[in-house]
Amino acid sequence: MQRVQGFGGFFFRAKDPKGLAKWYQDHLGINPAPTNMEMTPWVTDSGVTVFAPFGADTDYFAADKTFMLNFRVADLDAMIAQLKSADIEVTHEMEMEGIGRFARIHDPEGNAIELWEPAS
């Protein structure tokens, strides 16, 4: 069986695509999608990617949203400090034994973003 090799992109609608791309770059270090050969795309470190459809009635994230992003981070405490210094609210801080630590933020358009520091 042929298998996909990894996550190639995430595409979604935004009210302010350029502004939102800048927010992700400024606060999470994600380069915007290249529009020419001089631009550098976002390149991630190898690691686990979880692909998990949730039930339509999930309360894990807002009912009016159809997705939630989850990004791996190396140092959750440092990332939280960085985000708070930019006046970005951090919520849902928790730890799951054997899985890692989590925290949640929202982008300027209200999309939930879960930050995950995998257990070592």
C-alpha atoms as a PDB file:
ATOM      1  CA  MET A   1       0.000   0.000   0.000  1.00  0.00           C
ATOM      2  CA  GLN A   2       1.288   3.471  -0.854  1.00  0.00           C
ATOM      3  CA  ARG A   3       1.273   5.946   2.059  1.00  0.00           C
ATOM      4  CA  VAL A   4       1.599   9.682   2.277  1.00  0.00           C
ATOM      5  CA  GLN A   5       5.005  10.794   3.547  1.00  0.00           C
ATOM      6  CA  GLY A   6       3.939  13.625   5.793  1.00  0.00           C
ATOM      7  CA  PHE A   7       1.826  16.692   6.241  1.00  0.00           C
ATOM      8  CA  GLY A   8       2.299  18.941   3.224  1.00  0.00           C
ATOM      9  CA  GLY A   9       0.158  21.920   4.155  1.00  0.00           C
ATOM     10  CA  PHE A  10      -2.932  23.242   5.827  1.00  0.00           C
ATOM     11  CA  PHE A  11      -5.204  25.491   3.796  1.00  0.00           C
ATOM     12  CA  PHE A  12      -8.091  27.453   5.278  1.00  0.00           C
ATOM     13  CA  ARG A  13     -10.162  30.560   4.693  1.00  0.00           C
ATOM     14  CA  ALA A  14      -9.328  33.781   6.532  1.00  0.00           C
ATOM     15  CA  LYS A  15     -10.849  37.248   6.679  1.00  0.00           C
ATOM     16  CA  ASP A  16      -7.354  38.798   6.479  1.00  0.00           C
ATOM     17  CA  PRO A  17      -5.015  36.204   4.919  1.00  0.00           C
ATOM     18  CA  LYS A  18      -1.921  38.448   4.794  1.00  0.00           C
ATOM     19  CA  GLY A  19      -2.428  39.736   8.330  1.00  0.00           C
ATOM     20  CA  LEU A  20      -3.056  36.258   9.680  1.00  0.00           C
ATOM     21  CA  ALA A  21       0.025  34.870   7.890  1.00  0.00           C
ATOM     22  CA  LYS A  22       2.086  37.657   9.501  1.00  0.00           C
ATOM     23  CA  TRP A  23       0.643  36.828  12.959  1.00  0.00           C
ATOM     24  CA  TYR A  24       1.638  33.161  12.566  1.00  0.00           C
ATOM     25  CA  GLN A  25       5.122  34.209  11.430  1.00  0.00           C
ATOM     26  CA  ASP A  26       5.591  36.793  14.201  1.00  0.00           C
ATOM     27  CA  HIS A  27       4.307  34.678  17.087  1.00  0.00           C
ATOM     28  CA  LEU A  28       4.867  31.047  16.083  1.00  0.00           C
ATOM     29  CA  GLY A  29       7.732  31.304  13.577  1.00  0.00           C
ATOM     30  CA  ILE A  30       5.775  29.846  10.648  1.00  0.00           C
ATOM     31  CA  ASN A  31       6.930  31.288   7.338  1.00  0.00           C
ATOM     32  CA  PRO A  32       4.100  32.239   4.988  1.00  0.00           C
ATOM     33  CA  ALA A  33       3.531  30.155   1.867  1.00  0.00           C
ATOM     34  CA  PRO A  34       6.063  31.206  -0.766  1.00  0.00           C
ATOM     35  CA  THR A  35       4.829  33.281  -3.674  1.00  0.00           C
ATOM     36  CA  ASN A  36       8.206  33.350  -5.454  1.00  0.00           C
ATOM     37  CA  MET A  37      11.452  31.374  -5.568  1.00  0.00           C
ATOM     38  CA  GLU A  38      13.271  33.711  -3.162  1.00  0.00           C
ATOM     39  CA  MET A  39      10.884  33.008  -0.269  1.00  0.00           C
ATOM     40  CA  THR A  40      11.644  30.201   2.176  1.00  0.00           C
ATOM     41  CA  PRO A  41       8.758  27.875   3.077  1.00  0.00           C
ATOM     42  CA  TRP A  42       8.145  26.699   6.622  1.00  0.00           C
ATOM     43  CA  VAL A  43      10.248  23.584   7.237  1.00  0.00           C
ATOM     44  CA  THR A  44       9.515  21.496  10.319  1.00  0.00           C
ATOM     45  CA  ASP A  45      11.622  19.102  12.364  1.00  0.00           C
ATOM     46  CA  SER A  46      10.740  15.439  12.021  1.00  0.00           C
ATOM     47  CA  GLY A  47       8.332  14.113  14.587  1.00  0.00           C
ATOM     48  CA  VAL A  48       4.910  12.723  15.280  1.00  0.00           C
ATOM     49  CA  THR A  49       1.913  14.167  13.447  1.00  0.00           C
ATOM     50  CA  VAL A  50      -1.498  13.196  14.803  1.00  0.00           C
ATOM     51  CA  PHE A  51      -4.373  13.050  12.326  1.00  0.00           C
ATOM     52  CA  ALA A  52      -7.560  12.830  14.377  1.00  0.00           C
ATOM     53  CA  PRO A  53     -11.085  13.459  13.138  1.00  0.00           C
ATOM     54  CA  PHE A  54     -13.289  14.397  16.103  1.00  0.00           C
ATOM     55  CA  GLY A  55     -17.019  13.828  16.447  1.00  0.00           C
ATOM     56  CA  ALA A  56     -19.244  16.687  15.317  1.00  0.00           C
ATOM     57  CA  ASP A  57     -20.389  17.089  18.930  1.00  0.00           C
ATOM     58  CA  THR A  58     -16.894  17.366  20.476  1.00  0.00           C
ATOM     59  CA  ASP A  59     -16.377  19.961  23.180  1.00  0.00           C
ATOM     60  CA  TYR A  60     -12.576  19.788  22.822  1.00  0.00           C
ATOM     61  CA  PHE A  61     -12.675  23.006  20.759  1.00  0.00           C
ATOM     62  CA  ALA A  62     -15.306  25.602  19.809  1.00  0.00           C
ATOM     63  CA  ALA A  63     -18.493  24.289  18.207  1.00  0.00           C
ATOM     64  CA  ASP A  64     -18.408  27.004  15.522  1.00  0.00           C
ATOM     65  CA  LYS A  65     -14.979  25.854  14.252  1.00  0.00           C
ATOM     66  CA  THR A  66     -14.308  22.789  12.134  1.00  0.00           C
ATOM     67  CA  PHE A  67     -10.627  22.432  13.014  1.00  0.00           C
ATOM     68  CA  MET A  68      -8.004  23.062  15.673  1.00  0.00           C
ATOM     69  CA  LEU A  69      -4.302  23.281  14.909  1.00  0.00           C
ATOM     70  CA  ASN A  70      -1.752  21.469  17.055  1.00  0.00           C
ATOM     71  CA  PHE A  71       1.919  22.426  16.879  1.00  0.00           C
ATOM     72  CA  ARG A  72       4.864  20.640  18.522  1.00  0.00           C
ATOM     73  CA  VAL A  73       7.143  22.889  20.564  1.00  0.00           C
ATOM     74  CA  ALA A  74      10.512  22.134  22.158  1.00  0.00           C
ATOM     75  CA  ASP A  75      10.013  24.253  25.306  1.00  0.00           C
ATOM     76  CA  LEU A  76       6.415  24.969  26.239  1.00  0.00           C
ATOM     77  CA  ASP A  77       7.341  27.236  29.155  1.00  0.00           C
ATOM     78  CA  ALA A  78       9.500  29.452  26.918  1.00  0.00           C
ATOM     79  CA  MET A  79       6.781  29.550  24.240  1.00  0.00           C
ATOM     80  CA  ILE A  80       4.137  30.501  26.807  1.00  0.00           C
ATOM     81  CA  ALA A  81       6.354  33.290  28.161  1.00  0.00           C
ATOM     82  CA  GLN A  82       6.951  34.579  24.616  1.00  0.00           C
ATOM     83  CA  LEU A  83       3.241  34.571  23.803  1.00  0.00           C
ATOM     84  CA  LYS A  84       2.227  36.216  27.080  1.00  0.00           C
ATOM     85  CA  SER A  85       4.824  38.951  26.515  1.00  0.00           C
ATOM     86  CA  ALA A  86       2.991  39.661  23.238  1.00  0.00           C
ATOM     87  CA  ASP A  87      -0.317  39.874  25.172  1.00  0.00           C
ATOM     88  CA  ILE A  88      -1.611  36.585  23.737  1.00  0.00           C
ATOM     89  CA  GLU A  89      -3.860  34.752  26.188  1.00  0.00           C
ATOM     90  CA  VAL A  90      -2.729  31.219  27.043  1.00  0.00           C
ATOM     91  CA  THR A  91      -5.309  28.769  28.410  1.00  0.00           C
ATOM     92  CA  HIS A  92      -5.901  25.049  28.931  1.00  0.00           C
ATOM     93  CA  GLU A  93      -2.441  24.322  30.298  1.00  0.00           C
ATOM     94  CA  MET A  94      -2.325  20.624  31.135  1.00  0.00           C
ATOM     95  CA  GLU A  95      -0.173  17.522  31.156  1.00  0.00           C
ATOM     96  CA  MET A  96      -1.036  14.031  29.947  1.00  0.00           C
ATOM     97  CA  GLU A  97       1.236  11.374  31.406  1.00  0.00           C
ATOM     98  CA  GLY A  98       3.338   9.740  28.709  1.00  0.00           C
ATOM     99  CA  ILE A  99       2.024  12.135  26.025  1.00  0.00           C
ATOM    100  CA  GLY A 100       3.324  15.541  27.094  1.00  0.00           C
ATOM    101  CA  ARG A 101       2.276  19.028  28.078  1.00  0.00           C
ATOM    102  CA  PHE A 102      -0.258  21.224  26.319  1.00  0.00           C
ATOM    103  CA  ALA A 103      -1.449  24.822  26.238  1.00  0.00           C
ATOM    104  CA  ARG A 104      -3.934  26.612  24.020  1.00  0.00           C
ATOM    105  CA  ILE A 105      -4.028  29.980  22.284  1.00  0.00           C
ATOM    106  CA  HIS A 106      -6.236  31.486  19.575  1.00  0.00           C
ATOM    107  CA  ASP A 107      -5.173  33.346  16.463  1.00  0.00           C
ATOM    108  CA  PRO A 108      -6.692  36.780  15.709  1.00  0.00           C
ATOM    109  CA  GLU A 109      -9.595  35.131  13.850  1.00  0.00           C
ATOM    110  CA  GLY A 110     -10.489  32.891  16.810  1.00  0.00           C
ATOM    111  CA  ASN A 111      -8.999  29.624  15.542  1.00  0.00           C
ATOM    112  CA  ALA A 112      -7.829  27.387  18.363  1.00  0.00           C
ATOM    113  CA  ILE A 113      -4.145  26.452  18.406  1.00  0.00           C
ATOM    114  CA  GLU A 114      -2.926  23.746  20.754  1.00  0.00           C
ATOM    115  CA  LEU A 115       0.777  23.786  21.612  1.00  0.00           C
ATOM    116  CA  TRP A 116       2.277  20.426  22.519  1.00  0.00           C
ATOM    117  CA  GLU A 117       5.600  19.658  24.163  1.00  0.00           C
ATOM    118  CA  PRO A 118       5.925  15.875  23.716  1.00  0.00           C
ATOM    119  CA  ALA A 119       6.966  13.804  26.734  1.00  0.00           C
ATOM    120  CA  SER A 120      10.659  13.045  26.700  1.00  0.00           C
END
